[in-house]
Amino acid sequence: MPRRRTPQDDKRLSYTKDRRNEYGENDKSSRKSIRRAQRHVARANRRAATHTLATIRGTADTGLAEQAQERFERKRPRRWEKWPDEPLHVSVTGSLEQRAEREGPDSANTRRLTRLRARLRRPDRS
């Protein structure tokens, strides 16, 4: 029978598994802005292709077609990638480090930072 997790184990798991949105915008707005960014990139790539094809429209010259093809392939298509939110312990550690640096070495935040680092270093007792 598996051993039940202690509250300390739950806290450690929470710090490593939970994520925090550090992109700099409202986390709810990501639902719209991710789709918008993907649409923007796809549209820009379609425009580039259309523009290249417009240069050879109406002619049957294979030389112009090859030049247009080469011009189109030379230009790298636009890309957009998502990146994951950062783990909670990274976010909390960063905040505590800033506060500890601002307040001095014997502040409450320095002690909190020390406890958090010790908690994260402690191995799982599985």
Protein backbone atom coordinates (compact mmCIF):
# COMPACT_ATOMS: atom_id res chain seq x y z
CA MET A 1 0.00 0.00 0.00
CA PRO A 2 1.49 3.36 -0.96
CA ARG A 3 2.48 5.74 1.78
CA ARG A 4 0.34 8.87 2.15
CA ARG A 5 2.00 12.18 1.41
CA THR A 6 2.71 14.49 4.30
CA PRO A 7 1.85 18.19 4.12
CA GLN A 8 5.57 18.89 3.69
CA ASP A 9 5.68 16.57 0.67
CA ASP A 10 2.60 18.29 -0.77
CA LYS A 11 4.26 21.68 -0.34
CA ARG A 12 7.47 20.50 -2.03
CA LEU A 13 5.49 19.03 -4.92
CA SER A 14 3.49 22.23 -5.22
CA TYR A 15 6.68 24.32 -5.51
CA THR A 16 8.03 22.11 -8.29
CA LYS A 17 4.86 21.23 -10.24
CA ASP A 18 2.75 24.41 -10.02
CA ARG A 19 3.48 27.09 -12.61
CA ARG A 20 3.31 30.88 -12.51
CA ASN A 21 2.64 33.13 -15.49
CA GLU A 22 5.68 35.41 -15.82
CA TYR A 23 5.06 36.64 -19.36
CA GLY A 24 3.99 40.05 -18.15
CA GLU A 25 0.36 40.08 -19.15
CA ASN A 26 -2.85 38.84 -17.59
CA ASP A 27 -2.87 35.05 -17.61
CA LYS A 28 -6.47 34.98 -18.87
CA SER A 29 -5.55 37.10 -21.88
CA SER A 30 -3.23 34.34 -23.09
CA ARG A 31 -6.28 32.49 -24.38
CA LYS A 32 -6.81 35.27 -26.90
CA SER A 33 -3.28 36.50 -27.50
CA ILE A 34 -1.83 33.06 -28.32
CA ARG A 35 -4.39 32.57 -31.08
CA ARG A 36 -3.87 36.14 -32.28
CA ALA A 37 -0.11 35.68 -32.53
CA GLN A 38 -0.48 32.42 -34.44
CA ARG A 39 -2.93 34.05 -36.86
CA HIS A 40 -0.62 37.02 -37.35
CA VAL A 41 2.35 34.80 -38.27
CA ALA A 42 0.30 32.61 -40.61
CA ARG A 43 -1.13 35.68 -42.32
CA ALA A 44 2.33 37.22 -42.78
CA ASN A 45 3.57 34.00 -44.39
CA ARG A 46 0.55 33.86 -46.71
CA ARG A 47 1.13 37.50 -47.71
CA ALA A 48 4.76 36.77 -48.56
CA ALA A 49 3.74 33.83 -50.74
CA THR A 50 1.00 35.85 -52.46
CA HIS A 51 3.38 38.74 -53.09
CA THR A 52 5.97 36.43 -54.64
CA LEU A 53 3.37 34.76 -56.85
CA ALA A 54 2.03 38.14 -57.98
CA THR A 55 5.36 38.92 -59.68
CA ILE A 56 4.94 36.02 -62.14
CA ARG A 57 1.19 36.22 -62.71
CA GLY A 58 0.12 36.29 -66.33
CA THR A 59 3.41 35.13 -67.85
CA ALA A 60 4.51 31.67 -68.89
CA ASP A 61 8.22 32.37 -68.50
CA THR A 62 9.94 29.56 -66.58
CA GLY A 63 12.93 31.79 -65.83
CA LEU A 64 10.72 34.27 -63.92
CA ALA A 65 9.00 31.40 -62.15
CA GLU A 66 12.32 29.96 -61.00
CA GLN A 67 13.50 33.39 -59.83
CA ALA A 68 10.28 33.86 -57.87
CA GLN A 69 10.61 30.38 -56.36
CA GLU A 70 14.20 31.12 -55.34
CA ARG A 71 13.21 34.49 -53.84
CA PHE A 72 10.40 32.85 -51.90
CA GLU A 73 12.59 30.07 -50.52
CA ARG A 74 15.40 32.45 -49.63
CA LYS A 75 13.21 34.35 -47.18
CA ARG A 76 12.78 32.49 -43.92
CA PRO A 77 9.11 32.14 -42.90
CA ARG A 78 7.99 33.87 -39.76
CA ARG A 79 7.65 31.73 -36.66
CA TRP A 80 6.03 32.04 -33.28
CA GLU A 81 6.47 29.70 -30.33
CA LYS A 82 4.86 29.42 -26.95
CA TRP A 83 7.02 28.97 -23.89
CA PRO A 84 5.87 27.45 -20.62
CA ASP A 85 5.18 29.36 -17.44
CA GLU A 86 7.95 29.11 -14.88
CA PRO A 87 7.80 26.79 -11.86
CA LEU A 88 6.40 28.33 -8.69
CA HIS A 89 9.64 27.89 -6.73
CA VAL A 90 11.56 29.97 -9.31
CA SER A 91 9.03 32.79 -9.06
CA VAL A 92 8.88 32.76 -5.25
CA THR A 93 12.66 32.47 -4.91
CA GLY A 94 13.17 35.46 -7.20
CA SER A 95 10.72 37.60 -5.24
CA LEU A 96 12.30 36.65 -1.92
CA GLU A 97 15.81 37.31 -3.24
CA GLN A 98 14.81 40.81 -4.32
CA ARG A 99 13.19 41.56 -0.97
CA ALA A 100 16.12 40.11 1.01
CA GLU A 101 18.60 42.16 -1.00
CA ARG A 102 16.56 45.31 -0.41
CA GLU A 103 16.03 44.71 3.33
CA GLY A 104 19.41 43.35 4.39
CA PRO A 105 20.91 40.08 5.61
CA ASP A 106 18.95 39.69 8.87
CA SER A 107 15.45 40.30 7.51
CA ALA A 108 12.48 37.94 7.71
CA ASN A 109 12.64 37.47 3.94
CA THR A 110 16.22 36.21 4.15
CA ARG A 111 15.10 33.59 6.66
CA ARG A 112 12.15 32.64 4.42
CA LEU A 113 14.50 32.30 1.45
CA THR A 114 16.80 30.01 3.47
CA ARG A 115 13.86 27.83 4.54
CA LEU A 116 12.56 27.62 0.96
CA ARG A 117 15.95 26.56 -0.40
CA ALA A 118 16.30 23.92 2.34
CA ARG A 119 12.81 22.62 1.61
CA LEU A 120 13.59 22.27 -2.10
CA ARG A 121 16.92 20.51 -1.44
CA ARG A 122 15.39 17.92 0.88
CA PRO A 123 15.07 14.57 -0.95
CA ASP A 124 11.75 12.74 -1.26
CA ARG A 125 11.26 9.99 1.28
CA SER A 126 9.53 7.52 -1.01
